Structure formats: C-alpha cells, structure tokens
C-alpha cells in the first residue's frame, strides 16, 4: 500500500515534467488575485478620506 502524502504530490508535480495547466481555471485564478490586490490597494489609498477618521 502506497501512502500518497502532500510532499509526495508536490515532488511528483515538480519532477514529473508533465505540468498541465487548465487555462480557464488559471485565468480565473489570476483575475481573482488581481481583483483582490487592486481592492486592497484602493482601500489603502482611500482610507484617509473616510468620514470617521480624525
């Protein structure tokens, strides 16, 4: 019985040489990261204009 652990899975992905990226899922991931980053940046830039700030 072979135990498949997370480190074995990572080792398989890195050293197998067969990395297949599902493009729509990858594009969605990149879009979500960009949206999250831009939202945090916008909040950081505009927080000094909030009404409850002294």
Protein backbone atom coordinates (compact mmCIF):
# COMPACT_ATOMS: atom_id res chain seq x y z
CA UNK A 1 0.00 0.00 0.00
CA UNK A 2 1.43 3.36 -1.08
CA UNK A 3 0.66 6.34 1.08
CA UNK A 4 0.17 9.48 -1.01
CA UNK A 5 1.15 12.45 1.10
CA UNK A 6 1.24 16.11 0.22
CA UNK A 7 5.02 16.13 -0.07
CA UNK A 8 4.89 13.17 -2.47
CA UNK A 9 2.32 15.02 -4.57
CA UNK A 10 4.47 18.14 -4.67
CA UNK A 11 7.51 16.07 -5.60
CA UNK A 12 5.52 14.41 -8.41
CA UNK A 13 4.35 17.76 -9.83
CA UNK A 14 7.83 19.27 -9.77
CA UNK A 15 9.83 16.33 -11.08
CA UNK A 16 7.38 14.54 -13.39
CA UNK A 17 7.89 17.00 -16.23
CA UNK A 18 4.22 16.84 -17.19
CA UNK A 19 2.72 20.03 -15.83
CA UNK A 20 -0.68 20.56 -17.42
CA UNK A 21 -2.36 23.85 -16.62
CA UNK A 22 -6.08 24.10 -17.22
CA UNK A 23 -6.17 27.52 -18.87
CA UNK A 24 -9.68 28.76 -17.88
CA UNK A 25 -9.08 27.87 -14.24
CA UNK A 26 -5.65 29.52 -14.28
CA UNK A 27 -7.08 32.66 -15.90
CA UNK A 28 -9.80 32.82 -13.25
CA UNK A 29 -7.19 32.46 -10.50
CA UNK A 30 -5.07 35.27 -11.96
CA UNK A 31 -8.14 37.50 -12.35
CA UNK A 32 -9.16 36.92 -8.74
CA UNK A 33 -5.66 37.67 -7.46
CA UNK A 34 -5.55 40.89 -9.48
CA UNK A 35 -9.01 41.88 -8.22
CA UNK A 36 -8.05 41.18 -4.62
CA UNK A 37 -4.77 43.10 -4.92
CA UNK A 38 -6.40 46.09 -6.61
CA UNK A 39 -9.18 46.18 -4.00
CA UNK A 40 -6.68 46.19 -1.14
CA UNK A 41 -4.61 48.88 -2.90
CA UNK A 42 -7.71 51.04 -3.46
CA UNK A 43 -8.75 50.68 0.18
CA UNK A 44 -5.25 51.61 1.32
CA UNK A 45 -5.23 54.73 -0.88
CA UNK A 46 -8.71 55.93 0.13
CA UNK A 47 -8.84 55.10 3.83
CA UNK A 48 -7.67 58.57 4.86
CA UNK A 49 -10.80 60.09 3.28
CA UNK A 50 -13.26 58.04 5.35
CA UNK A 51 -15.70 60.10 7.42
CA UNK A 52 -14.76 58.52 10.73
CA UNK A 53 -11.07 59.43 10.51
CA UNK A 54 -9.68 62.26 12.69
